[in-house]
C-alpha cells in the first residue's frame, strides 16, 4: 500500500492549521510504517489522500479516478469555519459551501478532525463514508523545555514576575481576536501575546485596525513565530486563552495541552467529547466569564488542570493517529 499525500498551495497555507495537519499526517504515516509520497507526479500509489481545495486538487482527483485509484478527502474546512475570516468571506460563504461539497463528494471516503466536524458535513447532505480522526499532536515537540522557555522570555524581554497570557491563530474575527483584546484591556498588569499572521489586506478593516494600533499597550502581535520561542511560550505562559467561535478541531489547543499548559476556551460544540469544563480545561461563554476565569487561573485561585489536559493530548499522539489512518486506508482498499 502506498499513499500520495497531496497539498496544493503549500507555501500559502503552511502557517495555517491545515499546514500543520499535513506535517502531522506525514509523521503519522511514518510511525505506522506506511509508504507514502508527496510527489504529485507520482503514478505508483494506491490512495490519493487530498488535503486542499484548489483547481489542481480537483484535477488530481480526476486523474486518480481515471487510473482506478482510491480517493480520501481530508475535510479540514467547512462553511461554518469559513465565515468571519477573510475580507468578504461572509458574502461568498454559500458559494464556498457548494464548492467544498462538490469537491468532498468526489472522494471515496472522507476524514474530518472531530465528530462535530463530521456532523456538520452530514448536514450538508454528503453521502460518502466519514471518519473522525484528530489531526494529532507531536508530544515530544511540545514537551516543556527550560531553554525554550528562557528563549521565549528573553525574546519578549519579560521580567521574571510578569504574568503572560497567549493565544495562537490567524487574524480572524472567528478566532475571537476582538474578545482577546477586550479581555486584555481589563488586565493591564498582564501581558497578552497573540501569535500568528496573515496579510492585513485580506482581513476586514476593523480587525486590521485592532492589529495595527487599536489595542492596549499590554497586547503584542509579534506575527508568525515558530520553533523554540513559540514552543517555550506554550509551556511558560500562565495561560493559553483561545476564545474562538468556530473550529473543526483547533490544533493550537492540542499544542497547548501537550505543553502542560492551562487552557481557557469558548464553550463551543467542537470540543464535545474531548474537552470538559473544569476537568481538563476551563470554558467560558462571554468576556465577563473569560475575565473571571482568567484571573482565577493566573492568580492560582482555581485548580491547575494542566496534567489532565496533557493526558487528553496523549490520546491524540502521532502514533495513535497513524494507526487510525492505517485502518481507514485498509478499509478503503478492501
C-alpha atoms as a PDB file:
ATOM      1  CA  UNK A   1       0.000   0.000   0.000  1.00  0.00           C
ATOM      2  CA  UNK A   2       1.303   3.409  -0.995  1.00  0.00           C
ATOM      3  CA  UNK A   3      -0.339   6.772  -0.344  1.00  0.00           C
ATOM      4  CA  UNK A   4       0.025  10.044  -2.235  1.00  0.00           C
ATOM      5  CA  UNK A   5      -0.417  12.911   0.228  1.00  0.00           C
ATOM      6  CA  UNK A   6      -1.428  15.937  -1.796  1.00  0.00           C
ATOM      7  CA  UNK A   7      -1.303  19.527  -0.542  1.00  0.00           C
ATOM      8  CA  UNK A   8      -1.982  22.286  -3.031  1.00  0.00           C
ATOM      9  CA  UNK A   9      -0.663  25.771  -2.251  1.00  0.00           C
ATOM     10  CA  UNK A  10       1.653  24.556   0.478  1.00  0.00           C
ATOM     11  CA  UNK A  11       3.648  27.800   0.756  1.00  0.00           C
ATOM     12  CA  UNK A  12       0.487  29.851   1.194  1.00  0.00           C
ATOM     13  CA  UNK A  13      -1.047  27.507   3.782  1.00  0.00           C
ATOM     14  CA  UNK A  14       1.982  26.201   5.658  1.00  0.00           C
ATOM     15  CA  UNK A  15       1.424  28.638   8.566  1.00  0.00           C
ATOM     16  CA  UNK A  16      -2.195  27.563   8.991  1.00  0.00           C
ATOM     17  CA  UNK A  17      -3.692  24.682  10.943  1.00  0.00           C
ATOM     18  CA  UNK A  18      -4.066  22.761   7.684  1.00  0.00           C
ATOM     19  CA  UNK A  19      -0.348  23.163   7.085  1.00  0.00           C
ATOM     20  CA  UNK A  20       0.472  21.706  10.477  1.00  0.00           C
ATOM     21  CA  UNK A  21      -2.075  18.927   9.976  1.00  0.00           C
ATOM     22  CA  UNK A  22      -0.284  17.955   6.755  1.00  0.00           C
ATOM     23  CA  UNK A  23       3.037  17.682   8.598  1.00  0.00           C
ATOM     24  CA  UNK A  24       1.349  15.557  11.240  1.00  0.00           C
ATOM     25  CA  UNK A  25      -0.035  13.254   8.545  1.00  0.00           C
ATOM     26  CA  UNK A  26       3.452  12.570   7.228  1.00  0.00           C
ATOM     27  CA  UNK A  27       4.754  11.767  10.694  1.00  0.00           C
ATOM     28  CA  UNK A  28       1.701   9.602  11.423  1.00  0.00           C
ATOM     29  CA  UNK A  29       2.226   7.537   8.280  1.00  0.00           C
ATOM     30  CA  UNK A  30       5.908   7.136   9.106  1.00  0.00           C
ATOM     31  CA  UNK A  31       5.038   5.952  12.613  1.00  0.00           C
ATOM     32  CA  UNK A  32       2.692   3.325  11.141  1.00  0.00           C
ATOM     33  CA  UNK A  33       5.236   2.209   8.553  1.00  0.00           C
ATOM     34  CA  UNK A  34       3.021   3.279   5.636  1.00  0.00           C
ATOM     35  CA  UNK A  35       4.778   4.032   2.362  1.00  0.00           C
ATOM     36  CA  UNK A  36       3.861   7.484   1.034  1.00  0.00           C
ATOM     37  CA  UNK A  37       4.915  10.187  -1.389  1.00  0.00           C
ATOM     38  CA  UNK A  38       4.186  13.904  -1.720  1.00  0.00           C
ATOM     39  CA  UNK A  39       5.223  13.959  -5.373  1.00  0.00           C
ATOM     40  CA  UNK A  40       2.101  14.964  -7.309  1.00  0.00           C
ATOM     41  CA  UNK A  41       3.576  13.450 -10.495  1.00  0.00           C
ATOM     42  CA  UNK A  42       3.883  10.029  -8.943  1.00  0.00           C
ATOM     43  CA  UNK A  43       1.876   7.231 -10.568  1.00  0.00           C
ATOM     44  CA  UNK A  44       2.749   4.276  -8.330  1.00  0.00           C
ATOM     45  CA  UNK A  45       0.337   4.834  -5.486  1.00  0.00           C
ATOM     46  CA  UNK A  46      -2.889   3.202  -4.352  1.00  0.00           C
ATOM     47  CA  UNK A  47      -4.642   6.004  -2.451  1.00  0.00           C
ATOM     48  CA  UNK A  48      -4.791   9.737  -3.079  1.00  0.00           C
ATOM     49  CA  UNK A  49      -5.121  11.441   0.310  1.00  0.00           C
ATOM     50  CA  UNK A  50      -6.012  15.020  -0.548  1.00  0.00           C
ATOM     51  CA  UNK A  51      -5.983  17.988   1.823  1.00  0.00           C
ATOM     52  CA  UNK A  52      -6.801  21.087  -0.198  1.00  0.00           C
ATOM     53  CA  UNK A  53      -9.499  22.761  -2.278  1.00  0.00           C
ATOM     54  CA  UNK A  54      -7.963  24.427  -5.315  1.00  0.00           C
ATOM     55  CA  UNK A  55      -8.357  23.809  -9.028  1.00  0.00           C
ATOM     56  CA  UNK A  56      -5.367  21.483  -9.078  1.00  0.00           C
ATOM     57  CA  UNK A  57      -6.893  19.428  -6.274  1.00  0.00           C
ATOM     58  CA  UNK A  58      -9.900  18.687  -8.484  1.00  0.00           C
ATOM     59  CA  UNK A  59      -7.574  17.773 -11.344  1.00  0.00           C
ATOM     60  CA  UNK A  60      -5.641  15.385  -9.109  1.00  0.00           C
ATOM     61  CA  UNK A  61      -8.865  13.629  -8.135  1.00  0.00           C
ATOM     62  CA  UNK A  62      -9.948  13.215 -11.761  1.00  0.00           C
ATOM     63  CA  UNK A  63      -6.545  11.803 -12.703  1.00  0.00           C
ATOM     64  CA  UNK A  64      -6.632   9.378  -9.768  1.00  0.00           C
ATOM     65  CA  UNK A  65     -10.130   8.209 -10.697  1.00  0.00           C
ATOM     66  CA  UNK A  66      -9.090   7.583 -14.290  1.00  0.00           C
ATOM     67  CA  UNK A  67      -6.235   5.419 -13.033  1.00  0.00           C
ATOM     68  CA  UNK A  68      -8.538   3.439 -10.751  1.00  0.00           C
ATOM     69  CA  UNK A  69      -7.045   4.880  -7.549  1.00  0.00           C
ATOM     70  CA  UNK A  70      -8.985   5.347  -4.344  1.00  0.00           C
ATOM     71  CA  UNK A  71      -9.501   8.915  -3.089  1.00  0.00           C
ATOM     72  CA  UNK A  72      -9.664  10.028   0.521  1.00  0.00           C
ATOM     73  CA  UNK A  73     -10.645  13.650   1.070  1.00  0.00           C
ATOM     74  CA  UNK A  74      -9.476  15.226   4.315  1.00  0.00           C
ATOM     75  CA  UNK A  75     -12.216  17.739   5.057  1.00  0.00           C
ATOM     76  CA  UNK A  76     -10.314  20.333   7.065  1.00  0.00           C
ATOM     77  CA  UNK A  77     -12.761  23.125   6.333  1.00  0.00           C
ATOM     78  CA  UNK A  78     -16.468  23.813   6.038  1.00  0.00           C
ATOM     79  CA  UNK A  79     -18.782  26.776   5.545  1.00  0.00           C
ATOM     80  CA  UNK A  80     -19.066  27.370   9.285  1.00  0.00           C
ATOM     81  CA  UNK A  81     -15.355  27.972   9.806  1.00  0.00           C
ATOM     82  CA  UNK A  82     -15.085  29.968   6.574  1.00  0.00           C
ATOM     83  CA  UNK A  83     -17.427  32.644   7.940  1.00  0.00           C
ATOM     84  CA  UNK A  84     -15.908  35.649   9.733  1.00  0.00           C
ATOM     85  CA  UNK A  85     -12.466  35.007   8.305  1.00  0.00           C
ATOM     86  CA  UNK A  86     -11.195  36.733   5.167  1.00  0.00           C
ATOM     87  CA  UNK A  87     -12.418  40.051   3.793  1.00  0.00           C
ATOM     88  CA  UNK A  88     -15.786  39.373   2.113  1.00  0.00           C
ATOM     89  CA  UNK A  89     -15.941  35.776   3.341  1.00  0.00           C
ATOM     90  CA  UNK A  90     -19.492  36.039   4.663  1.00  0.00           C
ATOM     91  CA  UNK A  91     -20.771  37.213   1.280  1.00  0.00           C
ATOM     92  CA  UNK A  92     -19.409  34.210  -0.576  1.00  0.00           C
ATOM     93  CA  UNK A  93     -19.935  31.575   2.150  1.00  0.00           C
ATOM     94  CA  UNK A  94     -22.959  29.997   0.344  1.00  0.00           C
ATOM     95  CA  UNK A  95     -20.837  29.598  -2.810  1.00  0.00           C
ATOM     96  CA  UNK A  96     -17.920  28.257  -0.776  1.00  0.00           C
ATOM     97  CA  UNK A  97     -20.222  25.680   0.787  1.00  0.00           C
ATOM     98  CA  UNK A  98     -21.415  24.449  -2.625  1.00  0.00           C
ATOM     99  CA  UNK A  99     -17.836  24.336  -3.846  1.00  0.00           C
ATOM    100  CA  UNK A 100     -16.432  22.234  -0.984  1.00  0.00           C
ATOM    101  CA  UNK A 101     -19.450  19.912  -1.052  1.00  0.00           C
ATOM    102  CA  UNK A 102     -18.816  19.306  -4.766  1.00  0.00           C
ATOM    103  CA  UNK A 103     -15.175  18.510  -4.040  1.00  0.00           C
ATOM    104  CA  UNK A 104     -15.774  16.345  -0.986  1.00  0.00           C
ATOM    105  CA  UNK A 105     -18.386  14.361  -2.893  1.00  0.00           C
ATOM    106  CA  UNK A 106     -15.674  13.247  -5.323  1.00  0.00           C
ATOM    107  CA  UNK A 107     -13.895  11.280  -2.611  1.00  0.00           C
ATOM    108  CA  UNK A 108     -14.475   7.623  -1.851  1.00  0.00           C
ATOM    109  CA  UNK A 109     -14.083   8.300   1.853  1.00  0.00           C
ATOM    110  CA  UNK A 110     -13.871  11.462   3.969  1.00  0.00           C
ATOM    111  CA  UNK A 111     -11.877  12.254   7.100  1.00  0.00           C
ATOM    112  CA  UNK A 112     -12.724  15.090   9.479  1.00  0.00           C
ATOM    113  CA  UNK A 113     -10.776  16.102  12.605  1.00  0.00           C
ATOM    114  CA  UNK A 114     -13.664  15.757  15.079  1.00  0.00           C
ATOM    115  CA  UNK A 115     -17.123  14.181  15.452  1.00  0.00           C
ATOM    116  CA  UNK A 116     -18.533  17.724  15.406  1.00  0.00           C
ATOM    117  CA  UNK A 117     -16.954  18.434  12.004  1.00  0.00           C
ATOM    118  CA  UNK A 118     -18.365  15.104  10.794  1.00  0.00           C
ATOM    119  CA  UNK A 119     -21.875  16.108  11.894  1.00  0.00           C
ATOM    120  CA  UNK A 120     -21.565  19.422  10.066  1.00  0.00           C
ATOM    121  CA  UNK A 121     -20.698  17.657   6.803  1.00  0.00           C
ATOM    122  CA  UNK A 122     -23.570  15.241   7.235  1.00  0.00           C
ATOM    123  CA  UNK A 123     -25.979  18.186   7.456  1.00  0.00           C
ATOM    124  CA  UNK A 124     -24.697  19.216   4.005  1.00  0.00           C
ATOM    125  CA  UNK A 125     -26.160  16.024   2.569  1.00  0.00           C
ATOM    126  CA  UNK A 126     -22.833  14.393   1.750  1.00  0.00           C
ATOM    127  CA  UNK A 127     -23.438  10.648   1.378  1.00  0.00           C
ATOM    128  CA  UNK A 128     -19.846   9.405   1.488  1.00  0.00           C
ATOM    129  CA  UNK A 129     -18.473   7.432   4.473  1.00  0.00           C
ATOM    130  CA  UNK A 130     -16.920   9.828   7.001  1.00  0.00           C
ATOM    131  CA  UNK A 131     -14.465   9.061   9.796  1.00  0.00           C
ATOM    132  CA  UNK A 132     -13.446  11.485  12.533  1.00  0.00           C
ATOM    133  CA  UNK A 133      -9.687  11.383  13.154  1.00  0.00           C
ATOM    134  CA  UNK A 134      -7.828  14.029  15.116  1.00  0.00           C
ATOM    135  CA  UNK A 135      -5.097  15.981  13.336  1.00  0.00           C
ATOM    136  CA  UNK A 136      -2.884  14.716  16.143  1.00  0.00           C
ATOM    137  CA  UNK A 137      -0.068  16.240  18.139  1.00  0.00           C
ATOM    138  CA  UNK A 138       3.694  15.722  18.308  1.00  0.00           C
ATOM    139  CA  UNK A 139       4.063  15.278  22.066  1.00  0.00           C
ATOM    140  CA  UNK A 140       7.850  15.340  22.019  1.00  0.00           C
ATOM    141  CA  UNK A 141       7.947  18.692  20.231  1.00  0.00           C
ATOM    142  CA  UNK A 142       5.839  20.419  22.881  1.00  0.00           C
ATOM    143  CA  UNK A 143       7.337  18.860  25.968  1.00  0.00           C
ATOM    144  CA  UNK A 144       8.254  21.713  28.351  1.00  0.00           C
ATOM    145  CA  UNK A 145      11.880  22.707  27.940  1.00  0.00           C
ATOM    146  CA  UNK A 146      13.684  25.221  30.160  1.00  0.00           C
ATOM    147  CA  UNK A 147      15.900  26.535  27.344  1.00  0.00           C
ATOM    148  CA  UNK A 148      12.900  27.152  25.102  1.00  0.00           C
ATOM    149  CA  UNK A 149      11.132  28.955  27.915  1.00  0.00           C
ATOM    150  CA  UNK A 150      14.180  31.151  28.508  1.00  0.00           C
ATOM    151  CA  UNK A 151      14.313  31.929  24.776  1.00  0.00           C
ATOM    152  CA  UNK A 152      10.661  32.984  24.867  1.00  0.00           C
ATOM    153  CA  UNK A 153      11.039  35.324  27.845  1.00  0.00           C
ATOM    154  CA  UNK A 154      14.259  36.807  26.503  1.00  0.00           C
ATOM    155  CA  UNK A 155      12.711  37.432  23.063  1.00  0.00           C
ATOM    156  CA  UNK A 156       9.895  39.476  24.589  1.00  0.00           C
ATOM    157  CA  UNK A 157      12.055  40.970  27.399  1.00  0.00           C
ATOM    158  CA  UNK A 158       9.680  39.673  30.056  1.00  0.00           C
ATOM    159  CA  UNK A 159      10.503  40.230  33.708  1.00  0.00           C
ATOM    160  CA  UNK A 160      10.564  37.135  35.887  1.00  0.00           C
ATOM    161  CA  UNK A 161       7.394  38.171  37.721  1.00  0.00           C
ATOM    162  CA  UNK A 162       5.475  39.186  34.562  1.00  0.00           C
ATOM    163  CA  UNK A 163       2.248  37.202  34.062  1.00  0.00           C
ATOM    164  CA  UNK A 164       1.648  36.227  30.421  1.00  0.00           C
ATOM    165  CA  UNK A 165      -1.444  35.069  28.540  1.00  0.00           C
ATOM    166  CA  UNK A 166      -1.009  33.782  24.983  1.00  0.00           C
ATOM    167  CA  UNK A 167      -3.130  32.778  22.020  1.00  0.00           C
ATOM    168  CA  UNK A 168      -2.282  31.471  18.551  1.00  0.00           C
ATOM    169  CA  UNK A 169      -4.254  31.975  15.350  1.00  0.00           C
ATOM    170  CA  UNK A 170      -4.793  33.939  12.175  1.00  0.00           C
ATOM    171  CA  UNK A 171      -6.202  37.460  12.441  1.00  0.00           C
ATOM    172  CA  UNK A 172      -9.800  36.308  12.023  1.00  0.00           C
ATOM    173  CA  UNK A 173     -12.889  37.559  13.833  1.00  0.00           C
ATOM    174  CA  UNK A 174     -13.904  33.893  14.080  1.00  0.00           C
ATOM    175  CA  UNK A 175     -10.819  33.182  16.163  1.00  0.00           C
ATOM    176  CA  UNK A 176     -12.019  35.560  18.865  1.00  0.00           C
ATOM    177  CA  UNK A 177      -9.317  38.155  18.350  1.00  0.00           C
ATOM    178  CA  UNK A 178     -11.666  41.009  19.317  1.00  0.00           C
ATOM    179  CA  UNK A 179     -12.571  39.268  22.578  1.00  0.00           C
ATOM    180  CA  UNK A 180      -8.904  38.556  23.305  1.00  0.00           C
ATOM    181  CA  UNK A 181      -8.090  42.264  23.085  1.00  0.00           C
ATOM    182  CA  UNK A 182     -11.172  43.362  25.031  1.00  0.00           C
ATOM    183  CA  UNK A 183     -10.349  40.989  27.890  1.00  0.00           C
ATOM    184  CA  UNK A 184      -6.748  42.237  27.834  1.00  0.00           C
ATOM    185  CA  UNK A 185      -7.999  45.792  28.428  1.00  0.00           C
ATOM    186  CA  UNK A 186      -9.335  44.631  31.795  1.00  0.00           C
ATOM    187  CA  UNK A 187      -5.929  43.360  32.947  1.00  0.00           C
ATOM    188  CA  UNK A 188      -3.233  45.989  32.238  1.00  0.00           C
ATOM    189  CA  UNK A 189      -0.976  44.206  34.745  1.00  0.00           C
ATOM    190  CA  UNK A 190      -0.754  41.124  32.499  1.00  0.00           C
ATOM    191  CA  UNK A 191       0.944  40.764  29.131  1.00  0.00           C
ATOM    192  CA  UNK A 192      -1.186  39.334  26.296  1.00  0.00           C
ATOM    193  CA  UNK A 193       0.551  37.898  23.209  1.00  0.00           C
ATOM    194  CA  UNK A 194      -1.300  36.793  20.061  1.00  0.00           C
ATOM    195  CA  UNK A 195       0.932  34.664  17.832  1.00  0.00           C
ATOM    196  CA  UNK A 196       0.043  34.285  14.156  1.00  0.00           C
ATOM    197  CA  UNK A 197      -0.119  36.276  10.966  1.00  0.00           C
ATOM    198  CA  UNK A 198      -1.995  36.760   7.738  1.00  0.00           C
ATOM    199  CA  UNK A 199      -1.840  39.546   5.178  1.00  0.00           C
ATOM    200  CA  UNK A 200      -3.574  42.606   6.617  1.00  0.00           C
ATOM    201  CA  UNK A 201      -5.026  43.308   3.171  1.00  0.00           C
ATOM    202  CA  UNK A 202      -7.035  40.067   3.361  1.00  0.00           C
ATOM    203  CA  UNK A 203      -8.931  40.881   6.569  1.00  0.00           C
ATOM    204  CA  UNK A 204     -11.730  43.380   7.365  1.00  0.00           C
ATOM    205  CA  UNK A 205     -10.830  46.948   8.254  1.00  0.00           C
ATOM    206  CA  UNK A 206     -11.888  46.733  11.913  1.00  0.00           C
ATOM    207  CA  UNK A 207      -9.663  43.695  12.540  1.00  0.00           C
ATOM    208  CA  UNK A 208      -6.784  45.333  10.669  1.00  0.00           C
ATOM    209  CA  UNK A 209      -7.159  48.408  12.876  1.00  0.00           C
ATOM    210  CA  UNK A 210      -7.040  46.302  16.052  1.00  0.00           C
ATOM    211  CA  UNK A 211      -3.847  44.556  14.970  1.00  0.00           C
ATOM    212  CA  UNK A 212      -2.121  47.730  13.795  1.00  0.00           C
ATOM    213  CA  UNK A 213      -2.889  50.201  16.587  1.00  0.00           C
ATOM    214  CA  UNK A 214      -6.268  49.909  18.316  1.00  0.00           C
ATOM    215  CA  UNK A 215      -5.157  47.691  21.177  1.00  0.00           C
ATOM    216  CA  UNK A 216      -3.850  48.408  24.676  1.00  0.00           C
ATOM    217  CA  UNK A 217      -0.139  48.563  25.436  1.00  0.00           C
ATOM    218  CA  UNK A 218      -0.198  45.199  27.182  1.00  0.00           C
ATOM    219  CA  UNK A 219      -1.140  43.398  23.952  1.00  0.00           C
ATOM    220  CA  UNK A 220       1.535  42.254  21.492  1.00  0.00           C
ATOM    221  CA  UNK A 221       1.062  40.978  17.936  1.00  0.00           C
ATOM    222  CA  UNK A 222       4.514  39.559  17.062  1.00  0.00           C
ATOM    223  CA  UNK A 223       3.340  37.786  13.890  1.00  0.00           C
ATOM    224  CA  UNK A 224       4.124  34.204  12.940  1.00  0.00           C
ATOM    225  CA  UNK A 225       6.876  32.703  15.076  1.00  0.00           C
ATOM    226  CA  UNK A 226       7.899  29.064  15.087  1.00  0.00           C
ATOM    227  CA  UNK A 227      10.452  26.941  16.878  1.00  0.00           C
ATOM    228  CA  UNK A 228      11.817  27.429  20.371  1.00  0.00           C
ATOM    229  CA  UNK A 229      10.135  30.764  21.066  1.00  0.00           C
ATOM    230  CA  UNK A 230       6.543  29.702  20.405  1.00  0.00           C
ATOM    231  CA  UNK A 231       7.127  26.286  21.973  1.00  0.00           C
ATOM    232  CA  UNK A 232       8.628  27.981  25.034  1.00  0.00           C
ATOM    233  CA  UNK A 233       5.648  30.339  25.142  1.00  0.00           C
ATOM    234  CA  UNK A 234       3.179  27.463  25.205  1.00  0.00           C
ATOM    235  CA  UNK A 235       4.701  25.940  28.333  1.00  0.00           C
ATOM    236  CA  UNK A 236       5.966  29.071  30.099  1.00  0.00           C
ATOM    237  CA  UNK A 237       2.910  31.310  29.794  1.00  0.00           C
ATOM    238  CA  UNK A 238       0.456  31.475  32.661  1.00  0.00           C
ATOM    239  CA  UNK A 239      -2.489  30.617  30.411  1.00  0.00           C
ATOM    240  CA  UNK A 240      -3.467  29.732  26.849  1.00  0.00           C
ATOM    241  CA  UNK A 241      -6.624  31.737  26.115  1.00  0.00           C
ATOM    242  CA  UNK A 242      -8.393  30.766  22.877  1.00  0.00           C
ATOM    243  CA  UNK A 243     -11.834  32.425  22.548  1.00  0.00           C
ATOM    244  CA  UNK A 244     -12.536  31.054  19.052  1.00  0.00           C
ATOM    245  CA  UNK A 245     -16.164  30.883  17.944  1.00  0.00           C
ATOM    246  CA  UNK A 246     -15.740  28.044  15.433  1.00  0.00           C
ATOM    247  CA  UNK A 247     -13.163  25.321  14.756  1.00  0.00           C
ATOM    248  CA  UNK A 248     -13.031  21.945  13.071  1.00  0.00           C
ATOM    249  CA  UNK A 249     -10.632  20.883  15.845  1.00  0.00           C
ATOM    250  CA  UNK A 250      -8.135  23.528  16.937  1.00  0.00           C
ATOM    251  CA  UNK A 251      -4.586  22.195  16.613  1.00  0.00           C
ATOM    252  CA  UNK A 252      -3.300  25.069  18.738  1.00  0.00           C
ATOM    253  CA  UNK A 253      -5.433  23.815  21.632  1.00  0.00           C
ATOM    254  CA  UNK A 254      -3.769  20.408  21.319  1.00  0.00           C
ATOM    255  CA  UNK A 255      -0.373  22.106  21.276  1.00  0.00           C
ATOM    256  CA  UNK A 256      -1.197  23.960  24.491  1.00  0.00           C
ATOM    257  CA  UNK A 257      -2.473  20.804  26.195  1.00  0.00           C
ATOM    258  CA  UNK A 258       0.666  18.917  25.135  1.00  0.00           C
ATOM    259  CA  UNK A 259       2.747  21.723  26.666  1.00  0.00           C
ATOM    260  CA  UNK A 260       1.264  21.124  30.131  1.00  0.00           C
ATOM    261  CA  UNK A 261      -0.486  24.488  29.888  1.00  0.00           C
ATOM    262  CA  UNK A 262      -3.800  25.513  31.409  1.00  0.00           C
ATOM    263  CA  UNK A 263      -6.334  26.207  28.677  1.00  0.00           C
ATOM    264  CA  UNK A 264      -9.310  28.576  28.568  1.00  0.00           C
ATOM    265  CA  UNK A 265     -11.615  28.224  25.568  1.00  0.00           C
ATOM    266  CA  UNK A 266     -15.109  29.216  24.491  1.00  0.00           C
ATOM    267  CA  UNK A 267     -17.727  26.542  25.145  1.00  0.00           C
ATOM    268  CA  UNK A 268     -18.462  25.504  21.539  1.00  0.00           C
ATOM    269  CA  UNK A 269     -19.607  22.138  20.075  1.00  0.00           C
ATOM    270  CA  UNK A 270     -16.264  21.182  18.500  1.00  0.00           C
ATOM    271  CA  UNK A 271     -14.863  20.337  21.940  1.00  0.00           C
ATOM    272  CA  UNK A 272     -17.690  17.930  22.810  1.00  0.00           C
ATOM    273  CA  UNK A 273     -16.320  14.573  23.845  1.00  0.00           C
ATOM    274  CA  UNK A 274     -12.679  15.521  24.423  1.00  0.00           C
ATOM    275  CA  UNK A 275     -12.603  18.775  26.385  1.00  0.00           C
ATOM    276  CA  UNK A 276     -14.559  19.004  29.631  1.00  0.00           C
ATOM    277  CA  UNK A 277     -15.012  22.196  31.591  1.00  0.00           C
ATOM    278  CA  UNK A 278     -13.099  22.184  34.898  1.00  0.00           C
ATOM    279  CA  UNK A 279     -11.803  18.685  34.148  1.00  0.00           C
ATOM    280  CA  UNK A 280      -9.056  19.181  31.546  1.00  0.00           C
ATOM    281  CA  UNK A 281      -9.676  22.850  30.655  1.00  0.00           C
ATOM    282  CA  UNK A 282     -11.764  25.873  31.543  1.00  0.00           C
ATOM    283  CA  UNK A 283     -14.655  27.079  29.390  1.00  0.00           C
ATOM    284  CA  UNK A 284     -16.490  30.402  29.192  1.00  0.00           C
ATOM    285  CA  UNK A 285     -19.234  31.891  27.039  1.00  0.00           C
ATOM    286  CA  UNK A 286     -18.561  35.630  27.150  1.00  0.00           C
ATOM    287  CA  UNK A 287     -15.937  38.174  28.142  1.00  0.00           C
ATOM    288  CA  UNK A 288     -17.246  38.520  31.687  1.00  0.00           C
ATOM    289  CA  UNK A 289     -16.857  34.788  32.261  1.00  0.00           C
ATOM    290  CA  UNK A 290     -13.500  34.753  30.481  1.00  0.00           C
ATOM    291  CA  UNK A 291     -12.229  37.564  32.696  1.00  0.00           C
ATOM    292  CA  UNK A 292     -13.291  35.856  35.920  1.00  0.00           C
ATOM    293  CA  UNK A 293     -11.782  32.527  34.875  1.00  0.00           C
ATOM    294  CA  UNK A 294      -8.603  34.093  33.512  1.00  0.00           C
ATOM    295  CA  UNK A 295      -7.846  35.911  36.748  1.00  0.00           C
ATOM    296  CA  UNK A 296      -8.637  32.810  38.780  1.00  0.00           C
ATOM    297  CA  UNK A 297      -6.277  30.664  36.711  1.00  0.00           C
ATOM    298  CA  UNK A 298      -3.415  33.168  36.502  1.00  0.00           C
ATOM    299  CA  UNK A 299      -3.566  34.015  40.200  1.00  0.00           C
ATOM    300  CA  UNK A 300      -3.883  30.296  41.048  1.00  0.00           C
ATOM    301  CA  UNK A 301      -7.245  30.697  42.749  1.00  0.00           C
ATOM    302  CA  UNK A 302      -8.570  27.893  40.543  1.00  0.00           C
ATOM    303  CA  UNK A 303      -7.181  24.332  40.300  1.00  0.00           C
ATOM    304  CA  UNK A 304      -4.337  23.632  37.893  1.00  0.00           C
ATOM    305  CA  UNK A 305      -5.762  21.333  35.184  1.00  0.00           C
ATOM    306  CA  UNK A 306      -2.620  21.101  33.052  1.00  0.00           C
ATOM    307  CA  UNK A 307      -1.850  17.448  33.878  1.00  0.00           C
ATOM    308  CA  UNK A 308      -5.371  16.385  32.944  1.00  0.00           C
ATOM    309  CA  UNK A 309      -5.048  18.347  29.699  1.00  0.00           C
ATOM    310  CA  UNK A 310      -1.743  16.649  28.936  1.00  0.00           C
ATOM    311  CA  UNK A 311      -3.407  13.244  29.303  1.00  0.00           C
ATOM    312  CA  UNK A 312      -6.016  14.356  26.744  1.00  0.00           C
ATOM    313  CA  UNK A 313      -3.234  15.263  24.323  1.00  0.00           C
ATOM    314  CA  UNK A 314      -1.639  11.854  24.892  1.00  0.00           C
ATOM    315  CA  UNK A 315      -4.683  10.159  23.388  1.00  0.00           C
ATOM    316  CA  UNK A 316      -4.149  12.164  20.196  1.00  0.00           C
ATOM    317  CA  UNK A 317      -0.442  11.433  19.764  1.00  0.00           C
ATOM    318  CA  UNK A 318       1.020  10.986  16.278  1.00  0.00           C
ATOM    319  CA  UNK A 319       1.460   7.171  16.567  1.00  0.00           C
ATOM    320  CA  UNK A 320      -2.162   6.850  17.680  1.00  0.00           C
ATOM    321  CA  UNK A 321      -3.294   8.818  14.619  1.00  0.00           C
ATOM    322  CA  UNK A 322      -1.081   6.722  12.365  1.00  0.00           C
ATOM    323  CA  UNK A 323      -2.888   3.547  13.414  1.00  0.00           C
ATOM    324  CA  UNK A 324      -6.269   5.130  12.762  1.00  0.00           C
ATOM    325  CA  UNK A 325      -5.229   6.271   9.287  1.00  0.00           C
ATOM    326  CA  UNK A 326      -3.866   2.820   8.516  1.00  0.00           C
ATOM    327  CA  UNK A 327      -7.209   1.246   9.421  1.00  0.00           C
ATOM    328  CA  UNK A 328      -9.065   3.688   7.156  1.00  0.00           C
ATOM    329  CA  UNK A 329      -6.681   3.073   4.247  1.00  0.00           C
ATOM    330  CA  UNK A 330      -7.086  -0.678   4.556  1.00  0.00           C
ATOM    331  CA  UNK A 331     -10.870  -0.323   4.704  1.00  0.00           C
ATOM    332  CA  UNK A 332     -10.951   1.862   1.593  1.00  0.00           C
ATOM    333  CA  UNK A 333      -8.713  -0.512  -0.363  1.00  0.00           C
ATOM    334  CA  UNK A 334     -10.794  -3.538   0.600  1.00  0.00           C
END
